């Protein structure tokens, strides 16, 4: 269970990083290259960048939330299965499961914070 939690955390953080990088690339592509900017072009580019940021943030939160929910479901099912096999170890299994779920939830919260940063800071 610890290995699965570590893999899920790494995958969540990698996806978050890749999403942040894609927002930077798309924002750079939306910038005008000829140096002359009219008012209509500036508003259009701002809207394009803002919509790209919103899409990237939505993708980050959706994928990370789904991956985290899947990871938590697998951890809970495996720990419940283990407790059914060895009832005397239920306390240790339950505490290990809760620790793993906390780590997964922390990675999801980090992704939410990154999504908020994408929208408001970048």
Protein backbone atom coordinates (compact mmCIF):
# COMPACT_ATOMS: atom_id res chain seq x y z
CA UNK A 1 0.00 0.00 0.00
CA UNK A 2 2.87 2.39 0.72
CA UNK A 3 4.33 1.83 -2.75
CA UNK A 4 1.00 2.59 -4.41
CA UNK A 5 0.61 5.79 -2.38
CA UNK A 6 4.08 6.93 -3.38
CA UNK A 7 3.43 6.20 -7.04
CA UNK A 8 0.11 8.06 -6.94
CA UNK A 9 1.72 11.09 -5.31
CA UNK A 10 4.50 11.17 -7.89
CA UNK A 11 2.03 10.85 -10.76
CA UNK A 12 -0.19 13.60 -9.36
CA UNK A 13 2.72 15.98 -8.89
CA UNK A 14 4.13 15.19 -12.36
CA UNK A 15 0.76 15.87 -13.98
CA UNK A 16 0.45 19.13 -12.08
CA UNK A 17 3.92 20.21 -13.24
CA UNK A 18 3.20 19.29 -16.87
CA UNK A 19 -0.08 21.24 -16.74
CA UNK A 20 1.71 24.29 -15.39
CA UNK A 21 4.28 24.07 -18.16
CA UNK A 22 1.59 23.76 -20.83
CA UNK A 23 -0.08 26.93 -19.56
CA UNK A 24 3.23 28.77 -19.87
CA UNK A 25 3.75 27.55 -23.42
CA UNK A 26 0.20 28.41 -24.50
CA UNK A 27 0.46 31.86 -22.92
CA UNK A 28 3.69 32.48 -24.82
CA UNK A 29 2.06 31.37 -28.08
CA UNK A 30 -0.87 33.74 -27.49
CA UNK A 31 1.47 36.76 -27.21
CA UNK A 32 1.76 38.91 -30.36
CA UNK A 33 5.05 38.55 -32.21
CA UNK A 34 5.05 41.61 -34.47
CA UNK A 35 5.36 44.16 -31.64
CA UNK A 36 2.31 46.15 -32.74
CA UNK A 37 -0.72 45.56 -30.57
CA UNK A 38 -4.11 47.06 -31.19
CA UNK A 39 -6.81 47.26 -28.52
CA UNK A 40 -8.85 44.44 -30.08
CA UNK A 41 -5.81 42.17 -30.34
CA UNK A 42 -4.85 42.78 -26.71
CA UNK A 43 -8.34 41.92 -25.48
CA UNK A 44 -8.45 38.85 -27.70
CA UNK A 45 -5.07 37.65 -26.42
CA UNK A 46 -6.12 38.27 -22.81
CA UNK A 47 -9.27 36.23 -23.33
CA UNK A 48 -7.29 33.44 -25.01
CA UNK A 49 -4.79 33.30 -22.16
CA UNK A 50 -7.52 33.43 -19.53
CA UNK A 51 -9.49 30.65 -21.17
CA UNK A 52 -6.36 28.54 -21.52
CA UNK A 53 -5.61 29.04 -17.84
CA UNK A 54 -9.16 28.07 -16.89
CA UNK A 55 -9.02 24.93 -19.02
CA UNK A 56 -5.63 23.92 -17.59
CA UNK A 57 -6.83 24.49 -14.03
CA UNK A 58 -9.98 22.45 -14.66
CA UNK A 59 -7.95 19.61 -16.16
CA UNK A 60 -5.52 19.64 -13.23
CA UNK A 61 -8.27 19.50 -10.62
CA UNK A 62 -10.32 16.89 -12.50
CA UNK A 63 -7.49 14.47 -13.22
CA UNK A 64 -5.85 14.81 -9.83
CA UNK A 65 -9.19 14.48 -8.05
CA UNK A 66 -10.06 11.37 -10.03
CA UNK A 67 -6.62 9.83 -9.49
CA UNK A 68 -6.77 10.64 -5.78
CA UNK A 69 -10.25 9.16 -5.44
CA UNK A 70 -9.11 6.02 -7.23
CA UNK A 71 -6.06 5.75 -5.00
CA UNK A 72 -8.12 6.22 -1.86
CA UNK A 73 -10.68 3.66 -2.98
CA UNK A 74 -7.97 1.09 -3.66
CA UNK A 75 -6.27 1.77 -0.32
CA UNK A 76 -9.53 1.46 1.59
CA UNK A 77 -10.56 -1.73 -0.20
CA UNK A 78 -7.17 -3.38 0.35
CA UNK A 79 -7.02 -2.37 4.00
CA UNK A 80 -10.56 -3.62 4.61
CA UNK A 81 -9.64 -6.88 2.92
CA UNK A 82 -6.52 -7.15 5.10
CA UNK A 83 -8.49 -6.45 8.28
CA UNK A 84 -10.96 -9.19 7.34
CA UNK A 85 -8.08 -11.65 6.94
CA UNK A 86 -6.25 -10.65 10.13
CA UNK A 87 -8.62 -9.00 12.63
CA UNK A 88 -5.89 -8.81 15.28
CA UNK A 89 -3.89 -6.40 13.08
CA UNK A 90 -6.86 -4.11 12.40
CA UNK A 91 -5.46 -1.23 14.46
CA UNK A 92 -2.11 -1.14 12.67
CA UNK A 93 -3.69 -1.62 9.25
CA UNK A 94 -6.21 1.14 9.92
CA UNK A 95 -3.53 3.62 11.03
CA UNK A 96 -1.36 2.83 7.99
CA UNK A 97 -4.37 3.28 5.72
CA UNK A 98 -5.25 6.62 7.29
CA UNK A 99 -1.67 7.83 6.88
CA UNK A 100 -1.70 6.87 3.19
CA UNK A 101 -5.05 8.56 2.64
CA UNK A 102 -3.74 11.73 4.28
CA UNK A 103 -0.77 11.77 1.89
CA UNK A 104 -3.03 11.29 -1.12
CA UNK A 105 -5.38 14.04 0.08
CA UNK A 106 -2.41 16.36 0.61
CA UNK A 107 -1.32 15.86 -2.99
CA UNK A 108 -4.87 16.66 -4.14
CA UNK A 109 -4.91 19.85 -2.08
CA UNK A 110 -1.53 20.84 -3.57
CA UNK A 111 -3.02 20.38 -7.04
CA UNK A 112 -5.97 22.57 -6.09
CA UNK A 113 -3.59 25.27 -4.87
CA UNK A 114 -1.62 25.02 -8.12
CA UNK A 115 -4.85 25.34 -10.10
CA UNK A 116 -5.77 28.46 -8.16
CA UNK A 117 -2.29 29.86 -8.76
CA UNK A 118 -2.63 29.14 -12.48
CA UNK A 119 -5.83 31.14 -12.65
CA UNK A 120 -4.89 34.11 -10.50
CA UNK A 121 -1.10 34.47 -10.63
CA UNK A 122 0.19 33.24 -13.98
